[in-house]
């Protein structure tokens, strides 16, 4: 099973809009991320998001990665300070690939919990629009197989792709 963890795209400041939807830059970053992931042949069974507008909007932009386009849902236990251990336990018997759109510090804590059993180690530095991919082996151990931040996606041909 592969789990893709995406921090929502850049959002407008709270004083501009208290709901904090994606900024123009945030939408552009997530569109580039979607194209890049499609070039990597990423396809997932479901996309779960935290329910906050910036996460939901990010999930909608990532919709082309879905095997079936109606599989975007608000997930439970995805708030910034929720338990990564409890979340990973929910996936114990899950077999299909998932994409989660969430917030910091939760996203980084999932990676650390899965790879080391210690959620407070900072193994990767998420920025808005980043993705980490972790994979569970048959022995139920997790491994990091991909990590990219928005500035990486501005390089080369992918940055020229039309969404």
Protein backbone atom coordinates (compact mmCIF):
# COMPACT_ATOMS: atom_id res chain seq x y z
CA UNK A 1 0.00 0.00 0.00
CA UNK A 2 1.22 3.47 -0.86
CA UNK A 3 0.21 6.55 1.07
CA UNK A 4 0.73 9.96 -0.53
CA UNK A 5 0.77 12.84 1.95
CA UNK A 6 0.18 16.29 0.48
CA UNK A 7 0.31 19.49 2.48
CA UNK A 8 -2.38 21.79 1.11
CA UNK A 9 -1.26 24.52 -1.26
CA UNK A 10 -0.40 28.03 -0.17
CA UNK A 11 -3.46 29.78 1.29
CA UNK A 12 -4.47 33.41 1.51
CA UNK A 13 -3.81 35.08 4.88
CA UNK A 14 -6.50 34.92 7.55
CA UNK A 15 -6.94 38.72 7.50
CA UNK A 16 -7.77 38.56 3.77
CA UNK A 17 -10.23 35.66 4.12
CA UNK A 18 -10.83 33.88 7.45
CA UNK A 19 -11.72 30.67 5.55
CA UNK A 20 -8.19 30.69 4.03
CA UNK A 21 -8.81 29.29 0.54
CA UNK A 22 -5.86 28.63 -1.76
CA UNK A 23 -3.96 31.59 -3.13
CA UNK A 24 -3.25 31.88 -6.85
CA UNK A 25 0.25 30.55 -6.13
CA UNK A 26 -1.22 27.67 -4.11
CA UNK A 27 -3.52 26.64 -6.97
CA UNK A 28 -0.64 26.87 -9.46
CA UNK A 29 1.64 24.76 -7.22
CA UNK A 30 -0.99 22.04 -6.78
CA UNK A 31 -1.74 21.96 -10.52
CA UNK A 32 1.99 21.47 -11.16
CA UNK A 33 2.10 18.78 -8.48
CA UNK A 34 -0.85 17.00 -10.11
CA UNK A 35 0.87 16.99 -13.51
CA UNK A 36 4.12 15.77 -11.94
CA UNK A 37 2.36 12.94 -10.08
CA UNK A 38 0.52 11.94 -13.26
CA UNK A 39 3.91 11.75 -15.02
CA UNK A 40 4.99 9.39 -12.21
CA UNK A 41 1.93 7.20 -13.01
CA UNK A 42 0.41 7.83 -9.58
CA UNK A 43 -3.15 6.62 -9.26
CA UNK A 44 -5.01 6.33 -5.96
CA UNK A 45 -8.27 4.75 -4.85
CA UNK A 46 -9.29 7.65 -2.60
CA UNK A 47 -8.34 11.17 -1.62
CA UNK A 48 -9.09 12.20 1.95
CA UNK A 49 -8.85 15.81 3.15
CA UNK A 50 -9.19 17.55 6.51
CA UNK A 51 -12.35 19.47 5.65
CA UNK A 52 -10.72 22.91 5.77
CA UNK A 53 -11.32 24.84 2.56
CA UNK A 54 -7.65 24.94 1.51
CA UNK A 55 -7.35 21.16 1.94
CA UNK A 56 -10.63 20.46 0.15
CA UNK A 57 -9.65 22.75 -2.74
CA UNK A 58 -6.25 21.02 -2.96
CA UNK A 59 -8.00 17.63 -3.06
CA UNK A 60 -10.25 18.79 -5.90
CA UNK A 61 -7.27 19.89 -7.98
CA UNK A 62 -5.68 16.46 -7.37
CA UNK A 63 -8.83 14.66 -8.62
CA UNK A 64 -7.18 13.45 -11.90
CA UNK A 65 -5.09 11.04 -9.77
CA UNK A 66 -8.18 9.07 -8.76
CA UNK A 67 -9.05 5.68 -10.24
CA UNK A 68 -12.70 6.72 -9.90
CA UNK A 69 -13.45 10.49 -9.85
CA UNK A 70 -16.07 10.36 -7.06
CA UNK A 71 -13.70 9.17 -4.31
CA UNK A 72 -12.85 12.44 -2.52
CA UNK A 73 -13.96 12.51 1.11
CA UNK A 74 -13.47 14.45 4.28
CA UNK A 75 -11.37 12.22 6.52
CA UNK A 76 -11.39 11.94 10.28
CA UNK A 77 -8.31 12.36 12.43
CA UNK A 78 -6.55 14.69 9.97
CA UNK A 79 -6.46 17.90 12.01
CA UNK A 80 -3.06 19.57 12.52
CA UNK A 81 -2.59 18.16 16.04
CA UNK A 82 -4.31 14.78 15.66
CA UNK A 83 -2.46 11.57 16.49
CA UNK A 84 -0.42 10.16 13.60
CA UNK A 85 -0.25 6.81 15.43
CA UNK A 86 -4.05 6.57 15.60
CA UNK A 87 -4.33 7.52 11.94
CA UNK A 88 -1.83 4.87 10.84
CA UNK A 89 -3.64 2.25 12.94
CA UNK A 90 -6.78 2.97 10.90
CA UNK A 91 -4.84 1.91 7.81
CA UNK A 92 -3.71 -1.43 9.26
CA UNK A 93 -5.86 -3.55 6.93
CA UNK A 94 -6.10 -1.04 4.10
CA UNK A 95 -4.70 -2.37 0.79
CA UNK A 96 -5.39 0.33 -1.81
CA UNK A 97 -3.27 3.42 -2.39
CA UNK A 98 -4.51 6.62 -0.71
CA UNK A 99 -3.74 10.31 -0.92
CA UNK A 100 -4.20 12.47 2.16
CA UNK A 101 -4.39 16.28 2.03
CA UNK A 102 -3.68 17.87 5.36
CA UNK A 103 -1.75 20.35 7.44
CA UNK A 104 1.40 20.74 9.43
CA UNK A 105 2.50 19.48 11.84
CA UNK A 106 0.33 16.41 11.20
CA UNK A 107 1.78 15.55 7.78
CA UNK A 108 5.37 15.54 9.00
CA UNK A 109 4.38 13.62 12.11
CA UNK A 110 2.79 10.84 10.01
CA UNK A 111 6.03 10.38 8.07
CA UNK A 112 8.10 10.28 11.27
CA UNK A 113 5.67 7.94 13.05
CA UNK A 114 5.53 5.54 10.12
CA UNK A 115 9.29 5.42 9.52
CA UNK A 116 10.65 5.54 13.07
CA UNK A 117 7.79 5.08 15.53
CA UNK A 118 8.57 8.55 16.93
CA UNK A 119 6.24 11.26 15.60
CA UNK A 120 8.30 14.23 16.78
CA UNK A 121 11.39 13.57 14.67
CA UNK A 122 11.44 15.92 11.69
CA UNK A 123 12.55 13.67 8.84
CA UNK A 124 11.18 15.78 5.99
CA UNK A 125 10.34 19.46 5.78
CA UNK A 126 6.95 20.01 4.25
CA UNK A 127 6.09 23.32 2.66
CA UNK A 128 2.65 24.13 1.24
CA UNK A 129 2.24 22.00 -1.87
CA UNK A 130 4.75 19.31 -0.84
CA UNK A 131 4.20 15.58 -1.25
CA UNK A 132 5.71 12.63 0.60
CA UNK A 133 5.06 9.06 -0.44
CA UNK A 134 5.43 6.25 2.05
CA UNK A 135 4.95 2.60 1.24
CA UNK A 136 3.99 -0.25 3.55
CA UNK A 137 5.77 -3.51 2.84
CA UNK A 138 4.40 -7.00 3.36
CA UNK A 139 6.16 -6.99 6.74
CA UNK A 140 4.04 -3.97 7.77
CA UNK A 141 7.05 -1.65 7.82
CA UNK A 142 6.95 1.73 6.09
CA UNK A 143 9.52 3.24 3.73
CA UNK A 144 9.80 6.68 2.16
CA UNK A 145 9.86 6.36 -1.63
CA UNK A 146 9.19 9.92 -2.82
CA UNK A 147 9.39 13.47 -1.54
CA UNK A 148 9.04 16.70 -3.52
CA UNK A 149 8.45 20.34 -2.69
CA UNK A 150 7.04 23.00 -5.03
CA UNK A 151 10.40 24.53 -5.95
CA UNK A 152 11.48 21.13 -7.34
CA UNK A 153 8.49 21.11 -9.66
CA UNK A 154 9.50 24.44 -11.24
CA UNK A 155 12.51 22.83 -12.87
CA UNK A 156 12.63 21.17 -16.25
CA UNK A 157 9.83 20.08 -18.53
CA UNK A 158 7.25 19.52 -15.80
CA UNK A 159 7.10 23.25 -15.06
CA UNK A 160 6.12 23.80 -18.71
CA UNK A 161 3.26 21.28 -18.62
CA UNK A 162 -0.22 22.55 -19.31
CA UNK A 163 -2.79 21.45 -16.78
